[in-house]
Amino acid sequence: MEQEKKIIKTFTHSSFEDIFKSTRKAIHDFAKPLIASMKVSYWDLDQAANAIENSAVYAKISHKKYAFETYVARRITGTARLPLSLRLHSNSSRHLLRWP
């Protein structure tokens, strides 16, 4: 009980900001190679981003990375609400992939 009080006392606005920034960076650092892997595997990234957040409008194509970061954050917090089925385009045929 005493240790719990110490933890609560040391949790400040500044420490919350530090935790938030570290978490945001970890999500970004995880999503970046994930997106790169999807690209080299010929995923349709537009379709994937729209499956995550279909009503989003992106100012730049590169902003679609935020859809993937959002999906990672939702999976971490348990609030992901979609079973994601996407098509992989290859030279010879189409394959249905399930993510996750």
PDB file of N, CA and C in Angstrom:
ATOM      1  N   MET A   1       0.824  -1.188   0.000  1.00  0.00           N
ATOM      2  CA  MET A   1       0.000   0.000   0.000  1.00  0.00           C
ATOM      3  C   MET A   1       0.871   1.256   0.000  1.00  0.00           C
ATOM      4  N   GLU A   2       1.899   1.250   0.830  1.00  0.00           N
ATOM      5  CA  GLU A   2       2.805   2.403   0.896  1.00  0.00           C
ATOM      6  C   GLU A   2       3.542   2.599  -0.429  1.00  0.00           C
ATOM      7  N   GLN A   3       3.963   1.481  -1.035  1.00  0.00           N
ATOM      8  CA  GLN A   3       4.661   1.556  -2.322  1.00  0.00           C
ATOM      9  C   GLN A   3       3.719   2.098  -3.396  1.00  0.00           C
ATOM     10  N   GLU A   4       2.447   1.732  -3.326  1.00  0.00           N
ATOM     11  CA  GLU A   4       1.453   2.217  -4.290  1.00  0.00           C
ATOM     12  C   GLU A   4       1.310   3.733  -4.177  1.00  0.00           C
ATOM     13  N   LYS A   5       1.326   4.256  -2.991  1.00  0.00           N
ATOM     14  CA  LYS A   5       1.224   5.701  -2.786  1.00  0.00           C
ATOM     15  C   LYS A   5       2.434   6.418  -3.387  1.00  0.00           C
ATOM     16  N   LYS A   6       3.632   5.827  -3.253  1.00  0.00           N
ATOM     17  CA  LYS A   6       4.836   6.420  -3.823  1.00  0.00           C
ATOM     18  C   LYS A   6       4.734   6.480  -5.348  1.00  0.00           C
ATOM     19  N   ILE A   7       4.221   5.415  -5.959  1.00  0.00           N
ATOM     20  CA  ILE A   7       4.080   5.390  -7.414  1.00  0.00           C
ATOM     21  C   ILE A   7       3.118   6.474  -7.862  1.00  0.00           C
ATOM     22  N   ILE A   8       2.007   6.612  -7.178  1.00  0.00           N
ATOM     23  CA  ILE A   8       1.011   7.629  -7.535  1.00  0.00           C
ATOM     24  C   ILE A   8       1.599   9.024  -7.377  1.00  0.00           C
ATOM     25  N   LYS A   9       2.352   9.256  -6.355  1.00  0.00           N
ATOM     26  CA  LYS A   9       2.951  10.573  -6.124  1.00  0.00           C
ATOM     27  C   LYS A   9       3.984  10.922  -7.186  1.00  0.00           C
ATOM     28  N   THR A  10       4.677   9.931  -7.719  1.00  0.00           N
ATOM     29  CA  THR A  10       5.721  10.221  -8.694  1.00  0.00           C
ATOM     30  C   THR A  10       5.180  10.292 -10.123  1.00  0.00           C
ATOM     31  N   PHE A  11       3.922   9.941 -10.334  1.00  0.00           N
ATOM     32  CA  PHE A  11       3.328  10.015 -11.663  1.00  0.00           C
ATOM     33  C   PHE A  11       2.828  11.432 -11.887  1.00  0.00           C
ATOM     34  N   THR A  12       3.593  12.201 -12.646  1.00  0.00           N
ATOM     35  CA  THR A  12       3.277  13.609 -12.881  1.00  0.00           C
ATOM     36  C   THR A  12       2.898  13.827 -14.342  1.00  0.00           C
ATOM     37  N   HIS A  13       2.522  15.042 -14.641  1.00  0.00           N
ATOM     38  CA  HIS A  13       2.220  15.417 -16.025  1.00  0.00           C
ATOM     39  C   HIS A  13       3.448  15.163 -16.906  1.00  0.00           C
ATOM     40  N   SER A  14       4.586  15.493 -16.396  1.00  0.00           N
ATOM     41  CA  SER A  14       5.831  15.300 -17.137  1.00  0.00           C
ATOM     42  C   SER A  14       6.103  13.815 -17.395  1.00  0.00           C
ATOM     43  N   SER A  15       5.893  12.980 -16.384  1.00  0.00           N
ATOM     44  CA  SER A  15       6.132  11.551 -16.581  1.00  0.00           C
ATOM     45  C   SER A  15       5.103  10.966 -17.551  1.00  0.00           C
ATOM     46  N   PHE A  16       3.857  11.450 -17.517  1.00  0.00           N
ATOM     47  CA  PHE A  16       2.853  11.004 -18.483  1.00  0.00           C
ATOM     48  C   PHE A  16       3.293  11.369 -19.901  1.00  0.00           C
ATOM     49  N   GLU A  17       3.781  12.587 -20.090  1.00  0.00           N
ATOM     50  CA  GLU A  17       4.278  13.010 -21.405  1.00  0.00           C
ATOM     51  C   GLU A  17       5.412  12.119 -21.876  1.00  0.00           C
ATOM     52  N   ASP A  18       6.326  11.796 -20.992  1.00  0.00           N
ATOM     53  CA  ASP A  18       7.454  10.924 -21.351  1.00  0.00           C
ATOM     54  C   ASP A  18       6.966   9.542 -21.783  1.00  0.00           C
ATOM     55  N   ILE A  19       6.021   8.988 -21.037  1.00  0.00           N
ATOM     56  CA  ILE A  19       5.474   7.673 -21.378  1.00  0.00           C
ATOM     57  C   ILE A  19       4.740   7.747 -22.707  1.00  0.00           C
ATOM     58  N   PHE A  20       3.967   8.796 -22.912  1.00  0.00           N
ATOM     59  CA  PHE A  20       3.221   8.966 -24.155  1.00  0.00           C
ATOM     60  C   PHE A  20       4.167   9.069 -25.348  1.00  0.00           C
ATOM     61  N   LYS A  21       5.194   9.873 -25.234  1.00  0.00           N
ATOM     62  CA  LYS A  21       6.159  10.038 -26.331  1.00  0.00           C
ATOM     63  C   LYS A  21       6.890   8.735 -26.631  1.00  0.00           C
ATOM     64  N   SER A  22       7.258   8.007 -25.600  1.00  0.00           N
ATOM     65  CA  SER A  22       7.946   6.724 -25.799  1.00  0.00           C
ATOM     66  C   SER A  22       7.029   5.718 -26.479  1.00  0.00           C
ATOM     67  N   THR A  23       5.781   5.699 -26.079  1.00  0.00           N
ATOM     68  CA  THR A  23       4.815   4.784 -26.686  1.00  0.00           C
ATOM     69  C   THR A  23       4.575   5.144 -28.141  1.00  0.00           C
ATOM     70  N   ARG A  24       4.399   6.429 -28.414  1.00  0.00           N
ATOM     71  CA  ARG A  24       4.190   6.892 -29.791  1.00  0.00           C
ATOM     72  C   ARG A  24       5.381   6.517 -30.668  1.00  0.00           C
ATOM     73  N   LYS A  25       6.586   6.699 -30.162  1.00  0.00           N
ATOM     74  CA  LYS A  25       7.779   6.357 -30.926  1.00  0.00           C
ATOM     75  C   LYS A  25       7.869   4.851 -31.156  1.00  0.00           C
ATOM     76  N   ALA A  26       7.534   4.060 -30.147  1.00  0.00           N
ATOM     77  CA  ALA A  26       7.572   2.598 -30.294  1.00  0.00           C
ATOM     78  C   ALA A  26       6.575   2.140 -31.354  1.00  0.00           C
ATOM     79  N   ILE A  27       5.388   2.719 -31.375  1.00  0.00           N
ATOM     80  CA  ILE A  27       4.389   2.368 -32.384  1.00  0.00           C
ATOM     81  C   ILE A  27       4.900   2.743 -33.768  1.00  0.00           C
ATOM     82  N   HIS A  28       5.459   3.931 -33.898  1.00  0.00           N
ATOM     83  CA  HIS A  28       6.018   4.377 -35.183  1.00  0.00           C
ATOM     84  C   HIS A  28       7.143   3.444 -35.626  1.00  0.00           C
ATOM     85  N   ASP A  29       8.039   3.117 -34.695  1.00  0.00           N
ATOM     86  CA  ASP A  29       9.184   2.260 -35.015  1.00  0.00           C
ATOM     87  C   ASP A  29       8.751   0.846 -35.386  1.00  0.00           C
ATOM     88  N   PHE A  30       7.613   0.395 -34.883  1.00  0.00           N
ATOM     89  CA  PHE A  30       7.101  -0.918 -35.258  1.00  0.00           C
ATOM     90  C   PHE A  30       6.387  -0.858 -36.616  1.00  0.00           C
ATOM     91  N   ALA A  31       5.612   0.183 -36.844  1.00  0.00           N
ATOM     92  CA  ALA A  31       4.816   0.298 -38.074  1.00  0.00           C
ATOM     93  C   ALA A  31       5.685   0.524 -39.307  1.00  0.00           C
ATOM     94  N   LYS A  32       6.791   1.222 -39.154  1.00  0.00           N
ATOM     95  CA  LYS A  32       7.633   1.547 -40.311  1.00  0.00           C
ATOM     96  C   LYS A  32       8.138   0.292 -41.041  1.00  0.00           C
ATOM     97  N   PRO A  33       8.784  -0.661 -40.366  1.00  0.00           N
ATOM     98  CA  PRO A  33       9.207  -1.868 -41.091  1.00  0.00           C
ATOM     99  C   PRO A  33       8.017  -2.752 -41.498  1.00  0.00           C
ATOM    100  N   LEU A  34       6.924  -2.671 -40.764  1.00  0.00           N
ATOM    101  CA  LEU A  34       5.723  -3.406 -41.146  1.00  0.00           C
ATOM    102  C   LEU A  34       5.227  -2.934 -42.511  1.00  0.00           C
ATOM    103  N   ILE A  35       5.146  -1.625 -42.694  1.00  0.00           N
ATOM    104  CA  ILE A  35       4.717  -1.043 -43.967  1.00  0.00           C
ATOM    105  C   ILE A  35       5.708  -1.395 -45.072  1.00  0.00           C
ATOM    106  N   ALA A  36       6.994  -1.318 -44.768  1.00  0.00           N
ATOM    107  CA  ALA A  36       8.012  -1.673 -45.762  1.00  0.00           C
ATOM    108  C   ALA A  36       7.861  -3.134 -46.194  1.00  0.00           C
ATOM    109  N   SER A  37       7.601  -4.018 -45.254  1.00  0.00           N
ATOM    110  CA  SER A  37       7.395  -5.434 -45.575  1.00  0.00           C
ATOM    111  C   SER A  37       6.146  -5.625 -46.429  1.00  0.00           C
ATOM    112  N   MET A  38       5.119  -4.879 -46.139  1.00  0.00           N
ATOM    113  CA  MET A  38       3.888  -4.960 -46.928  1.00  0.00           C
ATOM    114  C   MET A  38       4.150  -4.499 -48.366  1.00  0.00           C
ATOM    115  N   LYS A  39       4.950  -3.447 -48.512  1.00  0.00           N
ATOM    116  CA  LYS A  39       5.270  -2.938 -49.850  1.00  0.00           C
ATOM    117  C   LYS A  39       6.011  -3.976 -50.678  1.00  0.00           C
ATOM    118  N   VAL A  40       7.041  -4.587 -50.114  1.00  0.00           N
ATOM    119  CA  VAL A  40       7.827  -5.559 -50.878  1.00  0.00           C
ATOM    120  C   VAL A  40       7.047  -6.851 -51.123  1.00  0.00           C
ATOM    121  N   SER A  41       5.971  -7.059 -50.372  1.00  0.00           N
ATOM    122  CA  SER A  41       5.109  -8.225 -50.577  1.00  0.00           C
ATOM    123  C   SER A  41       3.927  -7.901 -51.482  1.00  0.00           C
ATOM    124  N   TYR A  42       3.971  -6.725 -52.108  1.00  0.00           N
ATOM    125  CA  TYR A  42       2.959  -6.283 -53.068  1.00  0.00           C
ATOM    126  C   TYR A  42       1.561  -6.115 -52.478  1.00  0.00           C
ATOM    127  N   TRP A  43       1.483  -5.703 -51.229  1.00  0.00           N
ATOM    128  CA  TRP A  43       0.185  -5.391 -50.657  1.00  0.00           C
ATOM    129  C   TRP A  43      -0.335  -4.119 -51.308  1.00  0.00           C
ATOM    130  N   ASP A  44      -1.613  -4.017 -51.444  1.00  0.00           N
ATOM    131  CA  ASP A  44      -2.257  -2.782 -51.884  1.00  0.00           C
ATOM    132  C   ASP A  44      -2.422  -1.912 -50.638  1.00  0.00           C
ATOM    133  N   LEU A  45      -1.471  -0.995 -50.438  1.00  0.00           N
ATOM    134  CA  LEU A  45      -1.459  -0.191 -49.212  1.00  0.00           C
ATOM    135  C   LEU A  45      -2.646   0.765 -49.135  1.00  0.00           C
ATOM    136  N   ASP A  46      -3.139   1.218 -50.285  1.00  0.00           N
ATOM    137  CA  ASP A  46      -4.332   2.068 -50.271  1.00  0.00           C
ATOM    138  C   ASP A  46      -5.523   1.286 -49.733  1.00  0.00           C
ATOM    139  N   GLN A  47      -5.691   0.084 -50.226  1.00  0.00           N
ATOM    140  CA  GLN A  47      -6.793  -0.759 -49.772  1.00  0.00           C
ATOM    141  C   GLN A  47      -6.635  -1.091 -48.283  1.00  0.00           C
ATOM    142  N   ALA A  48      -5.422  -1.378 -47.865  1.00  0.00           N
ATOM    143  CA  ALA A  48      -5.168  -1.704 -46.463  1.00  0.00           C
ATOM    144  C   ALA A  48      -5.480  -0.512 -45.566  1.00  0.00           C
ATOM    145  N   ALA A  49      -5.027   0.679 -45.946  1.00  0.00           N
ATOM    146  CA  ALA A  49      -5.297   1.883 -45.144  1.00  0.00           C
ATOM    147  C   ALA A  49      -6.792   2.160 -45.091  1.00  0.00           C
ATOM    148  N   ASN A  50      -7.488   1.974 -46.207  1.00  0.00           N
ATOM    149  CA  ASN A  50      -8.931   2.203 -46.223  1.00  0.00           C
ATOM    150  C   ASN A  50      -9.679   1.175 -45.391  1.00  0.00           C
ATOM    151  N   ALA A  51      -9.147  -0.048 -45.311  1.00  0.00           N
ATOM    152  CA  ALA A  51      -9.772  -1.071 -44.474  1.00  0.00           C
ATOM    153  C   ALA A  51      -9.648  -0.726 -42.999  1.00  0.00           C
ATOM    154  N   ILE A  52      -8.588  -0.039 -42.648  1.00  0.00           N
ATOM    155  CA  ILE A  52      -8.381   0.363 -41.253  1.00  0.00           C
ATOM    156  C   ILE A  52      -9.257   1.558 -40.907  1.00  0.00           C
ATOM    157  N   GLU A  53      -9.246   2.548 -41.771  1.00  0.00           N
ATOM    158  CA  GLU A  53      -9.987   3.793 -41.514  1.00  0.00           C
ATOM    159  C   GLU A  53     -10.546   4.281 -42.836  1.00  0.00           C
ATOM    160  N   ASN A  54     -11.737   3.790 -43.199  1.00  0.00           N
ATOM    161  CA  ASN A  54     -12.262   4.064 -44.540  1.00  0.00           C
ATOM    162  C   ASN A  54     -12.774   5.481 -44.749  1.00  0.00           C
ATOM    163  N   SER A  55     -13.016   6.218 -43.706  1.00  0.00           N
ATOM    164  CA  SER A  55     -13.544   7.572 -43.877  1.00  0.00           C
ATOM    165  C   SER A  55     -12.462   8.651 -43.811  1.00  0.00           C
ATOM    166  N   ALA A  56     -11.219   8.245 -43.617  1.00  0.00           N
ATOM    167  CA  ALA A  56     -10.132   9.218 -43.492  1.00  0.00           C
ATOM    168  C   ALA A  56      -9.785   9.819 -44.856  1.00  0.00           C
ATOM    169  N   VAL A  57      -9.469  11.097 -44.833  1.00  0.00           N
ATOM    170  CA  VAL A  57      -8.989  11.794 -46.025  1.00  0.00           C
ATOM    171  C   VAL A  57      -7.562  12.231 -45.703  1.00  0.00           C
ATOM    172  N   TYR A  58      -6.629  11.859 -46.576  1.00  0.00           N
ATOM    173  CA  TYR A  58      -5.213  12.128 -46.321  1.00  0.00           C
ATOM    174  C   TYR A  58      -4.754  13.288 -47.186  1.00  0.00           C
ATOM    175  N   ALA A  59      -4.083  14.261 -46.567  1.00  0.00           N
ATOM    176  CA  ALA A  59      -3.572  15.416 -47.308  1.00  0.00           C
ATOM    177  C   ALA A  59      -2.456  14.980 -48.256  1.00  0.00           C
ATOM    178  N   LYS A  60      -1.663  14.019 -47.830  1.00  0.00           N
ATOM    179  CA  LYS A  60      -0.572  13.480 -48.646  1.00  0.00           C
ATOM    180  C   LYS A  60      -0.649  11.960 -48.610  1.00  0.00           C
ATOM    181  N   ILE A  61      -0.192  11.325 -49.654  1.00  0.00           N
ATOM    182  CA  ILE A  61      -0.189   9.859 -49.705  1.00  0.00           C
ATOM    183  C   ILE A  61       0.612   9.289 -48.538  1.00  0.00           C
ATOM    184  N   SER A  62       1.693   9.966 -48.205  1.00  0.00           N
ATOM    185  CA  SER A  62       2.548   9.465 -47.121  1.00  0.00           C
ATOM    186  C   SER A  62       1.848   9.484 -45.763  1.00  0.00           C
ATOM    187  N   HIS A  63       0.762  10.208 -45.641  1.00  0.00           N
ATOM    188  CA  HIS A  63       0.035  10.270 -44.369  1.00  0.00           C
ATOM    189  C   HIS A  63      -0.743   8.987 -44.079  1.00  0.00           C
ATOM    190  N   LYS A  64      -0.850   8.097 -45.061  1.00  0.00           N
ATOM    191  CA  LYS A  64      -1.549   6.834 -44.835  1.00  0.00           C
ATOM    192  C   LYS A  64      -0.830   5.970 -43.807  1.00  0.00           C
ATOM    193  N   LYS A  65       0.432   6.305 -43.548  1.00  0.00           N
ATOM    194  CA  LYS A  65       1.159   5.564 -42.518  1.00  0.00           C
ATOM    195  C   LYS A  65       0.453   5.695 -41.169  1.00  0.00           C
ATOM    196  N   TYR A  66      -0.273   6.789 -40.967  1.00  0.00           N
ATOM    197  CA  TYR A  66      -0.975   6.987 -39.701  1.00  0.00           C
ATOM    198  C   TYR A  66      -2.105   5.990 -39.516  1.00  0.00           C
ATOM    199  N   ALA A  67      -2.688   5.507 -40.603  1.00  0.00           N
ATOM    200  CA  ALA A  67      -3.706   4.465 -40.493  1.00  0.00           C
ATOM    201  C   ALA A  67      -3.094   3.200 -39.906  1.00  0.00           C
ATOM    202  N   PHE A  68      -1.894   2.847 -40.369  1.00  0.00           N
ATOM    203  CA  PHE A  68      -1.223   1.643 -39.874  1.00  0.00           C
ATOM    204  C   PHE A  68      -0.779   1.827 -38.423  1.00  0.00           C
ATOM    205  N   GLU A  69      -0.312   3.012 -38.092  1.00  0.00           N
ATOM    206  CA  GLU A  69       0.067   3.287 -36.708  1.00  0.00           C
ATOM    207  C   GLU A  69      -1.162   3.218 -35.808  1.00  0.00           C
ATOM    208  N   THR A  70      -2.288   3.697 -36.305  1.00  0.00           N
ATOM    209  CA  THR A  70      -3.537   3.626 -35.552  1.00  0.00           C
ATOM    210  C   THR A  70      -3.931   2.174 -35.309  1.00  0.00           C
ATOM    211  N   TYR A  71      -3.797   1.346 -36.346  1.00  0.00           N
ATOM    212  CA  TYR A  71      -4.139  -0.064 -36.204  1.00  0.00           C
ATOM    213  C   TYR A  71      -3.252  -0.736 -35.154  1.00  0.00           C
ATOM    214  N   VAL A  72      -1.963  -0.453 -35.186  1.00  0.00           N
ATOM    215  CA  VAL A  72      -1.047  -1.024 -34.194  1.00  0.00           C
ATOM    216  C   VAL A  72      -1.463  -0.579 -32.795  1.00  0.00           C
ATOM    217  N   ALA A  73      -1.761   0.700 -32.618  1.00  0.00           N
ATOM    218  CA  ALA A  73      -2.175   1.210 -31.313  1.00  0.00           C
ATOM    219  C   ALA A  73      -3.471   0.542 -30.852  1.00  0.00           C
ATOM    220  N   ARG A  74      -4.398   0.355 -31.782  1.00  0.00           N
ATOM    221  CA  ARG A  74      -5.660  -0.309 -31.426  1.00  0.00           C
ATOM    222  C   ARG A  74      -5.430  -1.757 -31.019  1.00  0.00           C
ATOM    223  N   ARG A  75      -4.524  -2.447 -31.701  1.00  0.00           N
ATOM    224  CA  ARG A  75      -4.234  -3.831 -31.330  1.00  0.00           C
ATOM    225  C   ARG A  75      -3.587  -3.892 -29.946  1.00  0.00           C
ATOM    226  N   ILE A  76      -2.701  -2.945 -29.657  1.00  0.00           N
ATOM    227  CA  ILE A  76      -2.036  -2.917 -28.351  1.00  0.00           C
ATOM    228  C   ILE A  76      -3.052  -2.702 -27.246  1.00  0.00           C
ATOM    229  N   THR A  77      -3.988  -1.798 -27.471  1.00  0.00           N
ATOM    230  CA  THR A  77      -4.973  -1.462 -26.430  1.00  0.00           C
ATOM    231  C   THR A  77      -6.187  -2.371 -26.444  1.00  0.00           C
ATOM    232  N   GLY A  78      -6.260  -3.261 -27.430  1.00  0.00           N
ATOM    233  CA  GLY A  78      -7.397  -4.176 -27.487  1.00  0.00           C
ATOM    234  C   GLY A  78      -8.653  -3.556 -28.070  1.00  0.00           C
ATOM    235  N   THR A  79      -8.509  -2.440 -28.776  1.00  0.00           N
ATOM    236  CA  THR A  79      -9.683  -1.774 -29.337  1.00  0.00           C
ATOM    237  C   THR A  79      -9.775  -1.911 -30.847  1.00  0.00           C
ATOM    238  N   ALA A  80      -8.960  -2.775 -31.444  1.00  0.00           N
ATOM    239  CA  ALA A  80      -9.029  -2.995 -32.898  1.00  0.00           C
ATOM    240  C   ALA A  80     -10.372  -3.628 -33.200  1.00  0.00           C
ATOM    241  N   ARG A  81     -11.025  -3.136 -34.227  1.00  0.00           N
ATOM    242  CA  ARG A  81     -12.382  -3.598 -34.490  1.00  0.00           C
ATOM    243  C   ARG A  81     -12.549  -4.220 -35.868  1.00  0.00           C
ATOM    244  N   LEU A  82     -11.444  -4.658 -36.465  1.00  0.00           N
ATOM    245  CA  LEU A  82     -11.631  -5.269 -37.771  1.00  0.00           C
ATOM    246  C   LEU A  82     -10.769  -6.480 -37.978  1.00  0.00           C
ATOM    247  N   PRO A  83     -11.389  -7.530 -38.514  1.00  0.00           N
ATOM    248  CA  PRO A  83     -10.586  -8.607 -39.058  1.00  0.00           C
ATOM    249  C   PRO A  83     -10.220  -8.169 -40.461  1.00  0.00           C
ATOM    250  N   LEU A  84      -8.986  -8.043 -40.757  1.00  0.00           N
ATOM    251  CA  LEU A  84      -8.535  -7.413 -41.987  1.00  0.00           C
ATOM    252  C   LEU A  84      -8.226  -8.446 -43.057  1.00  0.00           C
ATOM    253  N   SER A  85      -9.002  -8.435 -44.143  1.00  0.00           N
ATOM    254  CA  SER A  85      -8.753  -9.307 -45.291  1.00  0.00           C
ATOM    255  C   SER A  85      -8.335  -8.432 -46.452  1.00  0.00           C
ATOM    256  N   LEU A  86      -7.166  -8.694 -46.969  1.00  0.00           N
ATOM    257  CA  LEU A  86      -6.647  -7.868 -48.057  1.00  0.00           C
ATOM    258  C   LEU A  86      -6.132  -8.740 -49.182  1.00  0.00           C
ATOM    259  N   ARG A  87      -6.107  -8.174 -50.356  1.00  0.00           N
ATOM    260  CA  ARG A  87      -5.601  -8.902 -51.516  1.00  0.00           C
ATOM    261  C   ARG A  87      -4.138  -8.569 -51.754  1.00  0.00           C
ATOM    262  N   LEU A  88      -3.388  -9.587 -52.053  1.00  0.00           N
ATOM    263  CA  LEU A  88      -1.989  -9.455 -52.418  1.00  0.00           C
ATOM    264  C   LEU A  88      -1.919  -9.621 -53.926  1.00  0.00           C
ATOM    265  N   HIS A  89      -1.367  -8.638 -54.592  1.00  0.00           N
ATOM    266  CA  HIS A  89      -1.263  -8.713 -56.042  1.00  0.00           C
ATOM    267  C   HIS A  89       0.121  -9.233 -56.410  1.00  0.00           C
ATOM    268  N   SER A  90       0.134 -10.339 -57.121  1.00  0.00           N
ATOM    269  CA  SER A  90       1.405 -10.867 -57.609  1.00  0.00           C
ATOM    270  C   SER A  90       1.331 -10.923 -59.129  1.00  0.00           C
ATOM    271  N   ASN A  91       2.433 -11.193 -59.760  1.00  0.00           N
ATOM    272  CA  ASN A  91       2.467 -11.258 -61.224  1.00  0.00           C
ATOM    273  C   ASN A  91       1.638 -12.409 -61.771  1.00  0.00           C
ATOM    274  N   SER A  92       1.574 -13.529 -61.065  1.00  0.00           N
ATOM    275  CA  SER A  92       0.924 -14.714 -61.614  1.00  0.00           C
ATOM    276  C   SER A  92      -0.520 -14.895 -61.166  1.00  0.00           C
ATOM    277  N   SER A  93      -0.840 -14.542 -59.940  1.00  0.00           N
ATOM    278  CA  SER A  93      -2.198 -14.758 -59.449  1.00  0.00           C
ATOM    279  C   SER A  93      -2.474 -13.860 -58.253  1.00  0.00           C
ATOM    280  N   ARG A  94      -3.713 -13.926 -57.781  1.00  0.00           N
ATOM    281  CA  ARG A  94      -4.093 -13.146 -56.596  1.00  0.00           C
ATOM    282  C   ARG A  94      -4.252 -14.098 -55.420  1.00  0.00           C
ATOM    283  N   HIS A  95      -3.829 -13.653 -54.285  1.00  0.00           N
ATOM    284  CA  HIS A  95      -3.918 -14.466 -53.083  1.00  0.00           C
ATOM    285  C   HIS A  95      -4.653 -13.661 -52.021  1.00  0.00           C
ATOM    286  N   LEU A  96      -5.465 -14.320 -51.253  1.00  0.00           N
ATOM    287  CA  LEU A  96      -6.170 -13.665 -50.158  1.00  0.00           C
ATOM    288  C   LEU A  96      -5.340 -13.823 -48.894  1.00  0.00           C
ATOM    289  N   LEU A  97      -5.044 -12.716 -48.269  1.00  0.00           N
ATOM    290  CA  LEU A  97      -4.273 -12.748 -47.018  1.00  0.00           C
ATOM    291  C   LEU A  97      -5.167 -12.315 -45.882  1.00  0.00           C
ATOM    292  N   ARG A  98      -4.929 -12.862 -44.719  1.00  0.00           N
ATOM    293  CA  ARG A  98      -5.631 -12.422 -43.513  1.00  0.00           C
ATOM    294  C   ARG A  98      -4.605 -11.746 -42.626  1.00  0.00           C
ATOM    295  N   TRP A  99      -4.989 -10.609 -42.126  1.00  0.00           N
ATOM    296  CA  TRP A  99      -4.100  -9.867 -41.219  1.00  0.00           C
ATOM    297  C   TRP A  99      -4.890  -9.541 -40.001  1.00  0.00           C
ATOM    298  N   PRO A 100      -4.579  -9.929 -38.870  1.00  0.00           N
ATOM    299  CA  PRO A 100      -3.389 -10.612 -38.389  1.00  0.00           C
ATOM    300  C   PRO A 100      -3.442 -12.075 -38.610  1.00  0.00           C
TER     301      PRO A 100
END
